[in-house]
Protein backbone atom coordinates (compact mmCIF):
# COMPACT_ATOMS: atom_id res chain seq x y z
CA MET A 1 -18.13 -27.46 24.40
CA LYS A 2 -15.33 -28.88 22.34
CA ALA A 3 -12.15 -27.15 21.27
CA ALA A 4 -8.78 -27.73 20.00
CA ILE A 5 -6.26 -26.45 22.60
CA PHE A 6 -2.60 -25.60 22.14
CA VAL A 7 -0.60 -27.34 24.86
CA GLN A 8 2.55 -26.52 24.24
CA ALA A 9 5.35 -26.57 21.44
CA GLY A 10 6.12 -29.84 20.24
CA GLN A 11 2.67 -31.81 20.85
CA PRO A 12 -0.03 -31.52 19.16
CA LEU A 13 -3.12 -29.93 19.57
CA ALA A 14 -5.57 -31.46 22.33
CA ILE A 15 -9.28 -31.80 21.97
CA GLU A 16 -10.89 -31.16 25.58
CA ASP A 17 -14.05 -30.14 26.88
CA ARG A 18 -14.34 -26.43 27.95
CA PRO A 19 -16.87 -24.57 29.41
CA ILE A 20 -19.15 -22.09 26.86
CA PRO A 21 -18.21 -18.79 27.67
CA ARG A 22 -20.70 -15.88 28.31
CA PRO A 23 -20.78 -12.89 26.55
CA GLY A 24 -19.74 -9.50 28.48
CA PRO A 25 -20.47 -6.17 27.47
CA HIS A 26 -20.12 -5.28 23.52
CA GLN A 27 -19.63 -9.21 22.62
CA ALA A 28 -21.62 -12.19 21.43
CA LEU A 29 -21.27 -15.72 21.37
CA ILE A 30 -20.78 -17.47 17.81
CA ARG A 31 -21.57 -20.94 17.13
CA VAL A 32 -18.42 -21.33 15.11
CA HIS A 33 -19.11 -23.10 11.09
CA ARG A 34 -15.98 -22.50 9.66
CA CYS A 35 -12.51 -21.65 11.08
CA GLY A 36 -9.77 -21.15 8.43
CA ILE A 37 -6.24 -22.53 9.25
CA CYS A 38 -3.90 -19.87 9.07
CA GLY A 39 -0.06 -20.37 8.33
CA SER A 40 0.46 -17.73 11.97
CA ASP A 41 -1.34 -20.72 13.95
CA LEU A 42 1.42 -22.86 12.59
CA HIS A 43 4.37 -20.52 13.47
CA MET A 44 2.97 -19.80 16.89
CA THR A 45 2.42 -23.12 18.00
CA SER A 46 5.81 -23.86 16.78
CA GLY A 47 8.36 -22.79 19.96
CA SER A 48 8.98 -19.14 18.78
CA PRO A 49 9.10 -16.30 20.70
CA PHE A 50 5.72 -15.71 19.33
CA ASP A 51 3.74 -18.41 20.36
CA MET A 52 0.43 -17.92 21.72
CA PRO A 53 -0.29 -18.68 25.08
CA CYS A 54 -0.49 -22.44 26.19
CA GLY A 55 -4.15 -23.77 27.14
CA THR A 56 -5.93 -21.52 24.21
CA ALA A 57 -8.08 -22.44 21.63
CA PRO A 58 -5.99 -20.97 18.36
CA GLY A 59 -8.30 -20.07 15.18
CA HIS A 60 -8.98 -16.34 14.26
CA GLU A 61 -10.51 -17.28 10.42
CA TYR A 62 -14.04 -17.48 11.68
CA ALA A 63 -17.78 -17.14 10.72
CA GLY A 64 -20.68 -18.46 12.46
CA ASP A 65 -24.02 -17.49 13.70
CA VAL A 66 -24.91 -15.62 17.10
CA VAL A 67 -26.73 -17.82 19.68
CA GLU A 68 -26.51 -14.72 22.74
CA VAL A 69 -25.33 -11.41 22.84
CA GLY A 70 -24.42 -9.61 26.24
CA PRO A 71 -25.07 -6.23 27.07
CA GLU A 72 -24.56 -3.30 25.00
CA ALA A 73 -23.76 -5.71 21.89
CA GLY A 74 -25.34 -2.89 19.66
CA PRO A 75 -27.22 -3.87 16.45
CA ILE A 76 -25.85 -7.21 16.35
CA ARG A 77 -28.71 -10.24 16.91
CA VAL A 78 -28.99 -13.70 17.88
CA GLY A 79 -29.60 -15.64 14.72
CA ASP A 80 -26.78 -13.57 12.68
CA ARG A 81 -24.66 -15.21 10.45
CA VAL A 82 -21.26 -12.78 11.07
CA THR A 83 -17.78 -12.63 10.69
CA ALA A 84 -15.68 -10.42 12.82
CA LEU A 85 -12.29 -9.27 13.71
CA PRO A 86 -10.61 -12.03 15.86
CA MET A 87 -9.63 -8.74 18.28
CA SER A 88 -11.08 -6.47 20.79
CA ALA A 89 -10.06 -2.88 21.49
CA CYS A 90 -10.63 0.13 23.16
CA GLY A 91 -12.03 2.39 19.98
CA ASP A 92 -11.46 5.35 21.56
CA CYS A 93 -7.60 5.43 20.99
CA PRO A 94 -5.71 7.21 18.30
CA THR A 95 -4.89 4.10 16.91
CA CYS A 96 -8.70 2.99 17.60
CA ARG A 97 -9.94 6.30 15.50
CA ALA A 98 -7.54 5.46 13.09
CA ASP A 99 -8.87 2.03 12.46
CA ARG A 100 -5.47 0.35 13.30
CA PRO A 101 -7.01 -1.73 16.26
CA LEU A 102 -4.25 -4.44 16.44
CA HIS A 103 -2.15 -1.28 18.20
CA CYS A 104 -4.37 -0.59 20.50
CA THR A 105 -2.99 -0.75 24.39
CA ALA A 106 -6.47 -2.53 25.53
CA LEU A 107 -6.20 -5.41 22.43
CA GLN A 108 -7.48 -8.64 23.42
CA SER A 109 -7.31 -11.87 21.12
CA MET A 110 -10.70 -13.02 20.29
CA ALA A 111 -9.22 -16.58 18.35
CA GLY A 112 -10.88 -19.23 19.58
CA GLY A 113 -12.41 -20.35 16.27
CA TYR A 114 -10.86 -23.90 16.53
CA GLY A 115 -13.46 -24.27 19.11
CA GLU A 116 -17.67 -25.27 18.49
CA TYR A 117 -18.39 -21.45 20.11
CA THR A 118 -16.45 -18.90 20.61
CA LEU A 119 -16.71 -14.84 21.36
CA ILE A 120 -16.67 -12.09 19.56
CA ASP A 121 -16.56 -8.24 19.41
CA THR A 122 -20.00 -6.78 18.39
CA ARG A 123 -18.29 -3.67 17.64
CA LYS A 124 -15.78 -5.43 15.16
CA ALA A 125 -18.63 -8.04 13.26
CA ILE A 126 -19.98 -7.84 10.26
CA ARG A 127 -23.34 -9.54 9.36
CA LEU A 128 -22.77 -12.10 6.36
CA PRO A 129 -25.24 -11.45 3.39
CA ASP A 130 -27.27 -14.10 2.11
CA THR A 131 -25.44 -14.34 -1.27
CA LEU A 132 -22.22 -15.38 1.00
CA THR A 133 -21.84 -19.05 2.50
CA TYR A 134 -19.84 -19.93 5.99
CA ALA A 135 -16.66 -20.38 4.29
CA ASP A 136 -16.78 -17.40 2.02
CA GLY A 137 -16.94 -15.46 5.67
CA ALA A 138 -14.33 -17.33 6.96
CA LEU A 139 -11.99 -16.52 3.95
CA VAL A 140 -12.30 -12.32 4.92
CA GLU A 141 -10.00 -12.35 7.70
CA PRO A 142 -6.89 -13.52 5.14
CA LEU A 143 -8.56 -11.45 2.24
CA ALA A 144 -8.31 -8.26 4.49
CA SER A 145 -4.66 -9.08 5.50
CA ALA A 146 -3.61 -8.97 1.79
CA LEU A 147 -5.88 -6.13 1.23
CA ARG A 148 -4.78 -3.74 3.87
CA GLY A 149 -0.84 -4.34 1.91
CA VAL A 150 -1.83 -4.02 -1.25
CA GLN A 151 -3.29 -0.90 -0.23
CA ARG A 152 -0.28 0.48 1.02
CA LEU A 153 1.57 0.39 -1.48
CA GLY A 154 -0.66 3.16 -3.51
CA PRO A 155 -3.15 3.32 -6.84
CA LEU A 156 -1.97 0.51 -9.50
CA GLY A 157 -2.58 0.96 -12.75
CA PRO A 158 -2.32 -0.91 -16.28
CA ASP A 159 1.81 0.03 -15.88
CA SER A 160 2.03 -1.76 -12.70
CA ARG A 161 4.25 -5.04 -12.59
CA VAL A 162 3.58 -6.79 -9.84
CA ALA A 163 5.30 -9.94 -8.40
CA ILE A 164 4.36 -11.93 -5.59
CA LEU A 165 6.70 -14.70 -4.25
CA GLY A 166 4.51 -17.41 -2.37
CA PRO A 167 1.55 -18.81 -3.84
CA GLY A 168 -0.44 -19.38 -0.36
CA ALA A 169 -3.29 -18.24 0.81
CA ILE A 170 -1.83 -14.52 1.75
CA GLY A 171 0.27 -14.43 -1.81
CA ALA A 172 -3.07 -15.60 -3.43
CA SER A 173 -5.11 -13.46 -1.94
CA ALA A 174 -2.47 -10.56 -2.83
CA ALA A 175 -2.62 -11.26 -6.68
CA PHE A 176 -6.26 -10.86 -6.23
CA TRP A 177 -6.22 -7.48 -4.59
CA ALA A 178 -3.44 -6.54 -7.20
CA ARG A 179 -5.70 -7.43 -10.23
CA ARG A 180 -8.91 -6.12 -8.57
CA LEU A 181 -7.23 -2.93 -7.78
CA GLY A 182 -5.65 -2.29 -11.41
CA ALA A 183 -2.40 -3.55 -11.57
CA GLY A 184 -1.66 -4.63 -15.48
CA ARG A 185 0.51 -7.45 -14.96
CA VAL A 186 0.71 -10.67 -12.12
CA ALA A 187 3.24 -12.66 -12.12
CA MET A 188 3.25 -15.56 -8.88
CA ILE A 189 6.67 -16.98 -8.10
CA ALA A 190 7.09 -20.44 -6.00
CA ARG A 191 9.27 -23.59 -5.61
CA SER A 192 7.22 -26.10 -7.00
CA ARG A 193 3.92 -25.84 -9.07
CA ARG A 194 2.02 -27.38 -7.04
CA ASN A 195 -0.59 -23.89 -6.46
CA GLU A 196 -0.18 -22.79 -10.23
CA ASP A 197 -3.92 -23.39 -10.64
CA LEU A 198 -4.77 -21.51 -7.37
CA ALA A 199 -2.37 -18.30 -8.61
CA ALA A 200 -4.34 -18.43 -12.29
CA ALA A 201 -7.79 -18.18 -10.49
CA MET A 202 -6.58 -15.39 -8.09
CA GLY A 203 -5.55 -13.37 -10.80
CA ALA A 204 -1.69 -14.46 -11.91
CA ASP A 205 -1.11 -13.63 -15.22
CA GLY A 206 1.95 -16.27 -15.14
CA PHE A 207 3.61 -18.40 -12.87
CA LEU A 208 7.65 -18.96 -12.72
CA THR A 209 9.72 -21.11 -10.07
CA VAL A 210 12.50 -20.25 -8.57
CA ASN A 211 16.03 -21.12 -10.97
CA ASP A 212 18.73 -19.47 -11.94
CA ASP A 213 17.16 -17.84 -15.01
CA LEU A 214 14.19 -16.41 -12.69
CA PRO A 215 14.93 -12.33 -13.19
CA GLN A 216 15.21 -12.90 -16.85
CA GLN A 217 12.04 -14.83 -17.49
CA LEU A 218 9.98 -12.28 -14.57
CA GLU A 219 11.05 -9.70 -16.81
CA GLN A 220 10.12 -11.24 -19.65
CA MET A 221 6.57 -12.10 -18.42
CA LEU A 222 5.79 -8.80 -16.93
CA GLY A 223 7.73 -6.48 -19.49
CA GLY A 224 10.34 -5.09 -17.51
CA ALA A 225 11.55 -5.46 -14.35
CA PRO A 226 8.45 -5.57 -11.75
CA ASP A 227 7.73 -1.93 -9.52
CA ILE A 228 6.22 -4.38 -6.85
CA VAL A 229 7.15 -7.23 -5.32
CA ILE A 230 5.18 -9.06 -2.60
CA GLU A 231 6.64 -11.41 -0.56
CA GLY A 232 4.04 -13.94 0.88
CA ALA A 233 6.23 -16.49 1.52
CA GLY A 234 6.87 -16.29 5.46
CA SER A 235 10.39 -17.92 4.61
CA SER A 236 14.03 -16.97 5.89
CA GLY A 237 15.64 -15.72 2.73
CA ALA A 238 12.64 -14.31 0.83
CA ILE A 239 12.87 -10.55 1.70
CA GLN A 240 16.03 -10.43 0.19
CA GLN A 241 15.18 -12.23 -2.61
CA SER A 242 12.15 -9.73 -3.35
CA ILE A 243 15.07 -7.29 -2.65
CA ASN A 244 17.22 -9.12 -5.79
CA LEU A 245 14.02 -8.69 -7.79
CA VAL A 246 12.17 -5.85 -7.47
CA GLY A 247 13.25 -2.98 -10.24
CA ASN A 248 15.27 0.07 -9.15
CA GLY A 249 12.99 2.55 -7.53
CA GLY A 250 10.39 0.03 -6.83
CA THR A 251 8.58 -1.51 -3.82
CA VAL A 252 9.25 -4.57 -1.56
CA LEU A 253 5.83 -5.75 0.27
CA SER A 254 6.33 -8.36 2.75
CA LEU A 255 3.30 -10.06 4.39
CA GLY A 256 4.61 -13.37 5.07
CA GLY A 257 5.86 -12.38 8.54
CA CYS A 258 8.98 -14.82 9.08
CA ILE A 259 9.54 -15.52 12.74
CA GLN A 260 13.09 -16.44 12.14
CA PRO A 261 15.99 -14.24 12.09
CA ASP A 262 16.24 -13.22 8.74
CA PRO A 263 19.95 -11.38 7.28
CA ILE A 264 19.39 -8.96 4.12
CA MET A 265 21.75 -6.69 2.73
CA PRO A 266 20.82 -3.54 3.07
CA ALA A 267 23.11 -1.52 0.34
CA ILE A 268 21.27 -3.57 -2.32
CA ALA A 269 18.26 -2.25 -1.16
CA MET A 270 19.88 1.31 -0.75
CA PHE A 271 21.34 1.18 -3.88
CA LYS A 272 18.67 0.24 -5.66
CA ASP A 273 16.41 3.28 -4.23
CA ILE A 274 13.54 0.93 -3.33
CA ARG A 275 10.98 1.12 -0.05
CA LEU A 276 10.56 -1.72 1.97
CA GLN A 277 7.23 -1.51 3.57
CA PHE A 278 5.89 -4.23 6.13
CA SER A 279 1.98 -4.47 6.46
CA VAL A 280 -0.36 -6.55 9.15
CA ALA A 281 -3.63 -7.60 10.22
CA TYR A 282 -6.71 -5.20 9.09
CA GLY A 283 -9.01 -2.54 10.33
CA LEU A 284 -13.00 -3.04 10.21
CA ALA A 285 -13.35 -0.88 6.80
CA ASP A 286 -10.97 -3.51 5.47
CA PHE A 287 -13.15 -6.62 6.12
CA ILE A 288 -15.98 -4.47 5.36
CA GLN A 289 -14.44 -3.74 1.87
CA CYS A 290 -14.23 -7.83 1.33
CA VAL A 291 -17.51 -8.98 2.92
CA ASP A 292 -18.94 -5.94 0.04
CA THR A 293 -16.67 -7.52 -2.67
CA LEU A 294 -17.84 -10.90 -2.42
CA ASP A 295 -21.07 -9.91 -2.06
CA ALA A 296 -20.95 -8.03 -5.64
CA GLY A 297 -19.95 -11.44 -7.47
CA ALA A 298 -15.84 -11.66 -6.95
CA LEU A 299 -15.94 -15.25 -5.92
CA GLU A 300 -12.69 -15.90 -7.37
CA PRO A 301 -11.19 -16.57 -3.36
CA ARG A 302 -13.69 -19.79 -3.66
CA ALA A 303 -10.69 -21.14 -5.10
CA LEU A 304 -8.81 -20.98 -1.99
CA VAL A 305 -10.81 -23.53 0.21
CA GLY A 306 -9.27 -26.75 -0.18
CA GLU A 307 -10.93 -29.19 1.81
CA THR A 308 -13.29 -29.06 4.95
CA ILE A 309 -12.54 -31.16 7.97
CA SER A 310 -14.31 -32.03 11.50
CA LEU A 311 -12.75 -30.87 14.65
CA ALA A 312 -11.75 -34.03 15.80
CA ALA A 313 -9.79 -34.66 12.62
CA LEU A 314 -8.24 -30.77 13.22
CA PRO A 315 -5.07 -32.52 15.37
CA ALA A 316 -3.99 -34.48 12.62
CA ARG A 317 -4.13 -32.29 9.73
CA PHE A 318 -2.91 -29.42 11.59
CA GLU A 319 0.69 -31.22 12.41
CA ALA A 320 0.69 -32.58 9.03
CA MET A 321 0.38 -29.22 7.34
CA ARG A 322 3.89 -28.30 9.20
CA SER A 323 5.23 -29.94 6.39
CA GLY A 324 3.91 -26.81 3.90
CA SER A 325 2.52 -29.98 1.43
CA HIS A 326 -0.80 -28.57 1.86
CA VAL A 327 -2.75 -26.92 -1.02
CA ALA A 328 -5.18 -23.96 -0.79
CA LYS A 329 -7.07 -23.52 2.72
CA VAL A 330 -7.87 -26.29 4.77
CA MET A 331 -11.56 -25.26 6.72
CA VAL A 332 -12.25 -26.68 9.96
CA ASP A 333 -16.29 -27.10 10.53
CA PRO A 334 -16.44 -27.59 14.09
CA THR A 335 -20.52 -28.93 13.92
CA ILE A 336 -19.38 -31.66 12.00
CA ILE A 337 -19.59 -34.65 14.51
């Protein structure tokens, strides 16, 4: 099979021939039909301490159809259209029982969506309803990541004022869930107006660019200082900017995942009496809720999808995206010849 392989930092992904893997217990082999390019893939191939192992195929936002199942595959069958958590865990430890598989000591990555085929853990797989496309299925992973973070904020209501820093896929997904879970006002903040239409489609009431008058403009748009600021930029300085913008007694939720040292001024956060919350990944329940929400007709997240490219076009497109100039989500379709 063909797969895009991370060779080493500083080099583009390489399209290589790899053996088609065989599924083991609790596993299935899927033919990948869509895989989103995630900002974390760019981060984890950039020469940081968080780089993935060289020689592996990235890609964790995928959907496809099952072509082979291993022993103890459970109810998943050949022919099923599925998405899945891109990880395998023991299923029995306290963190697994709490639906936090990312923290299982037996965790194994099940990435590989940048290839024609990849393995999934059938215990972490969800069948796609007929109403959903493969592209919808590939959106479930970023939606689930944002969902878990927004849910950790606690109940939202008509008086909730939410500001989101960074209108990329994670920030736009956070806007979708903040609106859907009851927030009264949602504002998006960015360095440029490039993703303004996307933010509106995903539920933001207004869009502001970073400037000297931002705090005043934000309060005017929201009807007061934000109770919640969601950091979705993933860049140095974004957490401190969020601390500066949030109202007294509010909450800053960091979803961006900056991989560089990022100093903050704790005294400002302390004297504002705010809560600083981080969130990462998701559990099976989050994936199920995302699939059910899309299936029920909440299809605004389709606005996330921009262009769809072939596997052969991926290395060049991947490198071009390092500049941050892309709009919306780029999808890879490995079935395109």
